[in-house]
N, C-alpha and C. Protein backbone atom coordinates (compact mmCIF):
# COMPACT_ATOMS: atom_id res chain seq x y z
N MET A 1 16.36 67.43 74.88
CA MET A 1 16.18 66.17 74.17
C MET A 1 16.62 65.02 75.08
N GLN A 2 15.81 63.95 75.09
CA GLN A 2 16.13 62.80 75.92
C GLN A 2 17.31 62.03 75.34
N HIS A 3 18.11 61.48 76.23
CA HIS A 3 19.23 60.64 75.83
C HIS A 3 18.66 59.38 75.20
N VAL A 4 19.27 58.89 74.14
CA VAL A 4 18.75 57.75 73.39
C VAL A 4 18.59 56.51 74.27
N ALA A 5 19.46 56.29 75.24
CA ALA A 5 19.33 55.12 76.12
C ALA A 5 18.04 55.18 76.92
N LYS A 6 17.63 56.37 77.32
CA LYS A 6 16.38 56.53 78.07
C LYS A 6 15.18 56.24 77.18
N VAL A 7 15.25 56.67 75.94
CA VAL A 7 14.16 56.39 74.99
C VAL A 7 14.07 54.89 74.74
N ILE A 8 15.21 54.26 74.49
CA ILE A 8 15.24 52.81 74.26
C ILE A 8 14.70 52.09 75.49
N ALA A 9 15.10 52.52 76.67
CA ALA A 9 14.62 51.90 77.91
C ALA A 9 13.10 51.93 77.97
N LYS A 10 12.54 53.08 77.70
CA LYS A 10 11.08 53.25 77.75
C LYS A 10 10.39 52.37 76.71
N GLN A 11 10.93 52.36 75.50
CA GLN A 11 10.32 51.60 74.41
C GLN A 11 10.41 50.09 74.66
N VAL A 12 11.55 49.62 75.14
CA VAL A 12 11.71 48.19 75.41
C VAL A 12 10.73 47.77 76.50
N ARG A 13 10.68 48.51 77.58
CA ARG A 13 9.78 48.18 78.69
C ARG A 13 8.32 48.19 78.23
N LYS A 14 7.93 49.22 77.47
CA LYS A 14 6.56 49.32 76.99
C LYS A 14 6.19 48.15 76.08
N ARG A 15 7.03 47.86 75.13
CA ARG A 15 6.73 46.78 74.18
C ARG A 15 6.72 45.42 74.88
N ARG A 16 7.66 45.20 75.78
CA ARG A 16 7.70 43.93 76.49
C ARG A 16 6.41 43.73 77.27
N LYS A 17 5.97 44.78 77.95
CA LYS A 17 4.72 44.69 78.72
C LYS A 17 3.52 44.52 77.80
N ASP A 18 3.53 45.22 76.67
CA ASP A 18 2.44 45.06 75.69
C ASP A 18 2.35 43.61 75.19
N LEU A 19 3.51 42.97 75.06
CA LEU A 19 3.55 41.58 74.62
C LEU A 19 3.20 40.61 75.75
N GLY A 20 3.20 41.10 76.98
CA GLY A 20 2.88 40.28 78.13
C GLY A 20 3.96 39.28 78.49
N ILE A 21 5.21 39.67 78.26
CA ILE A 21 6.33 38.78 78.58
C ILE A 21 7.18 39.39 79.68
N THR A 22 7.88 38.53 80.39
CA THR A 22 8.76 38.97 81.47
C THR A 22 10.13 39.35 80.93
N GLN A 23 10.90 40.00 81.77
CA GLN A 23 12.28 40.30 81.41
C GLN A 23 13.03 39.01 81.15
N GLN A 24 12.75 37.98 81.94
CA GLN A 24 13.44 36.70 81.76
C GLN A 24 13.09 36.08 80.41
N THR A 25 11.83 36.16 80.01
CA THR A 25 11.43 35.60 78.72
C THR A 25 12.14 36.33 77.58
N LEU A 26 12.19 37.65 77.66
CA LEU A 26 12.89 38.42 76.63
C LEU A 26 14.38 38.07 76.63
N ALA A 27 14.95 37.98 77.81
CA ALA A 27 16.37 37.61 77.91
C ALA A 27 16.62 36.26 77.28
N ASP A 28 15.75 35.29 77.54
CA ASP A 28 15.90 33.96 76.95
C ASP A 28 15.82 34.01 75.43
N ARG A 29 14.91 34.82 74.90
CA ARG A 29 14.80 34.99 73.44
C ARG A 29 16.09 35.52 72.83
N LEU A 30 16.76 36.38 73.58
CA LEU A 30 17.94 37.06 73.05
C LEU A 30 19.26 36.41 73.45
N GLY A 31 19.19 35.39 74.29
CA GLY A 31 20.41 34.77 74.78
C GLY A 31 21.18 35.69 75.71
N MET A 32 20.44 36.47 76.48
CA MET A 32 21.04 37.41 77.42
C MET A 32 20.63 37.04 78.83
N ARG A 33 21.21 37.71 79.79
CA ARG A 33 20.80 37.56 81.18
C ARG A 33 19.65 38.52 81.47
N GLN A 34 18.80 38.13 82.40
CA GLN A 34 17.69 38.98 82.81
C GLN A 34 18.21 40.30 83.36
N SER A 35 19.34 40.26 84.04
CA SER A 35 19.90 41.48 84.62
C SER A 35 20.31 42.48 83.53
N ALA A 36 20.70 41.98 82.35
CA ALA A 36 21.04 42.88 81.24
C ALA A 36 19.78 43.60 80.74
N ILE A 37 18.68 42.86 80.66
CA ILE A 37 17.42 43.48 80.24
C ILE A 37 16.99 44.51 81.28
N ALA A 38 17.12 44.18 82.55
CA ALA A 38 16.76 45.12 83.62
C ALA A 38 17.59 46.39 83.52
N ARG A 39 18.88 46.26 83.23
CA ARG A 39 19.74 47.44 83.09
C ARG A 39 19.33 48.28 81.88
N ILE A 40 18.98 47.63 80.79
CA ILE A 40 18.54 48.36 79.60
C ILE A 40 17.25 49.10 79.91
N GLU A 41 16.28 48.41 80.52
CA GLU A 41 14.99 49.02 80.81
C GLU A 41 15.08 50.14 81.84
N SER A 42 16.06 50.09 82.71
CA SER A 42 16.20 51.15 83.72
C SER A 42 16.95 52.36 83.17
N GLY A 43 17.56 52.20 82.00
CA GLY A 43 18.33 53.29 81.42
C GLY A 43 19.73 53.39 81.98
N VAL A 44 20.10 52.45 82.85
CA VAL A 44 21.44 52.45 83.46
C VAL A 44 22.49 52.16 82.40
N ASN A 45 22.18 51.26 81.49
CA ASN A 45 23.11 50.91 80.42
C ASN A 45 22.98 51.97 79.32
N ASP A 46 23.84 52.96 79.36
CA ASP A 46 23.75 54.05 78.39
C ASP A 46 24.69 53.87 77.20
N ASP A 47 25.26 52.67 77.08
CA ASP A 47 26.16 52.37 75.97
C ASP A 47 25.67 51.11 75.25
N ILE A 48 24.46 51.21 74.71
CA ILE A 48 23.85 50.06 74.04
C ILE A 48 24.37 50.01 72.61
N GLY A 49 24.99 48.91 72.26
CA GLY A 49 25.56 48.75 70.93
C GLY A 49 24.52 48.43 69.87
N MET A 50 24.91 48.57 68.63
CA MET A 50 24.01 48.31 67.52
C MET A 50 23.54 46.87 67.51
N ALA A 51 24.43 45.93 67.79
CA ALA A 51 24.03 44.51 67.79
C ALA A 51 22.95 44.26 68.84
N THR A 52 23.07 44.89 69.99
CA THR A 52 22.06 44.74 71.03
C THR A 52 20.75 45.36 70.60
N CYS A 53 20.80 46.52 69.96
CA CYS A 53 19.59 47.17 69.46
C CYS A 53 18.89 46.30 68.42
N VAL A 54 19.64 45.72 67.51
CA VAL A 54 19.07 44.85 66.50
C VAL A 54 18.43 43.63 67.16
N ALA A 55 19.13 43.03 68.12
CA ALA A 55 18.59 41.87 68.83
C ALA A 55 17.30 42.23 69.58
N LEU A 56 17.30 43.37 70.24
CA LEU A 56 16.09 43.82 70.93
C LEU A 56 14.93 44.01 69.96
N ALA A 57 15.21 44.65 68.85
CA ALA A 57 14.16 44.88 67.85
C ALA A 57 13.59 43.55 67.36
N ARG A 58 14.45 42.61 67.07
CA ARG A 58 13.98 41.30 66.60
C ARG A 58 13.22 40.57 67.68
N GLY A 59 13.75 40.58 68.89
CA GLY A 59 13.11 39.88 70.00
C GLY A 59 11.76 40.45 70.38
N LEU A 60 11.58 41.75 70.14
CA LEU A 60 10.32 42.41 70.45
C LEU A 60 9.43 42.58 69.22
N ASP A 61 9.92 42.14 68.06
CA ASP A 61 9.20 42.23 66.80
C ASP A 61 8.81 43.67 66.46
N VAL A 62 9.81 44.54 66.55
CA VAL A 62 9.64 45.95 66.21
C VAL A 62 10.83 46.41 65.35
N SER A 63 10.73 47.60 64.82
CA SER A 63 11.83 48.16 64.03
C SER A 63 12.80 48.92 64.93
N LEU A 64 13.96 49.19 64.39
CA LEU A 64 14.91 50.04 65.12
C LEU A 64 14.33 51.43 65.32
N GLU A 65 13.55 51.89 64.36
CA GLU A 65 12.90 53.19 64.49
C GLU A 65 11.98 53.23 65.70
N TYR A 66 11.28 52.12 65.95
CA TYR A 66 10.43 52.05 67.13
C TYR A 66 11.28 52.18 68.40
N LEU A 67 12.41 51.47 68.44
CA LEU A 67 13.24 51.50 69.65
C LEU A 67 13.72 52.90 70.00
N VAL A 68 13.91 53.74 69.00
CA VAL A 68 14.37 55.11 69.29
C VAL A 68 13.23 56.11 69.28
N GLY A 69 11.99 55.59 69.32
CA GLY A 69 10.83 56.46 69.49
C GLY A 69 10.32 57.15 68.25
N MET A 70 10.67 56.63 67.08
CA MET A 70 10.27 57.29 65.83
C MET A 70 9.10 56.60 65.13
N GLN A 71 8.63 55.46 65.67
CA GLN A 71 7.60 54.69 64.98
C GLN A 71 6.85 53.83 65.97
N GLU A 72 5.57 53.63 65.73
CA GLU A 72 4.77 52.73 66.54
C GLU A 72 4.91 51.31 66.03
N PRO A 73 4.76 50.30 66.89
CA PRO A 73 4.98 48.92 66.45
C PRO A 73 4.02 48.45 65.36
N GLU A 74 2.81 48.99 65.30
CA GLU A 74 1.85 48.59 64.29
C GLU A 74 2.34 48.91 62.88
N ALA A 75 3.23 49.89 62.76
CA ALA A 75 3.70 50.31 61.45
C ALA A 75 4.84 49.45 60.92
N VAL A 76 5.36 48.55 61.73
CA VAL A 76 6.47 47.71 61.34
C VAL A 76 6.04 46.79 60.22
N GLY A 77 6.86 46.71 59.18
CA GLY A 77 6.60 45.81 58.08
C GLY A 77 5.60 46.31 57.07
N THR A 78 5.17 47.55 57.21
CA THR A 78 4.22 48.09 56.22
C THR A 78 4.93 49.01 55.27
């Protein structure tokens, strides 16, 4: 089973690219540094807190379930 940080990394990177935004744009939306987004997307940050997960979900307009690989973004809000 994949470590949750690796799943979140993959999902964040995929959704950000699907939205056509840069790491800097996402960071600006979340009030974070671009380097923090880079660390999350690389899977280096393996201690992602709940507040960060919620912020990522909101900034990417997805559910927490999507971030952990349990749901596709189209299903959000249905």
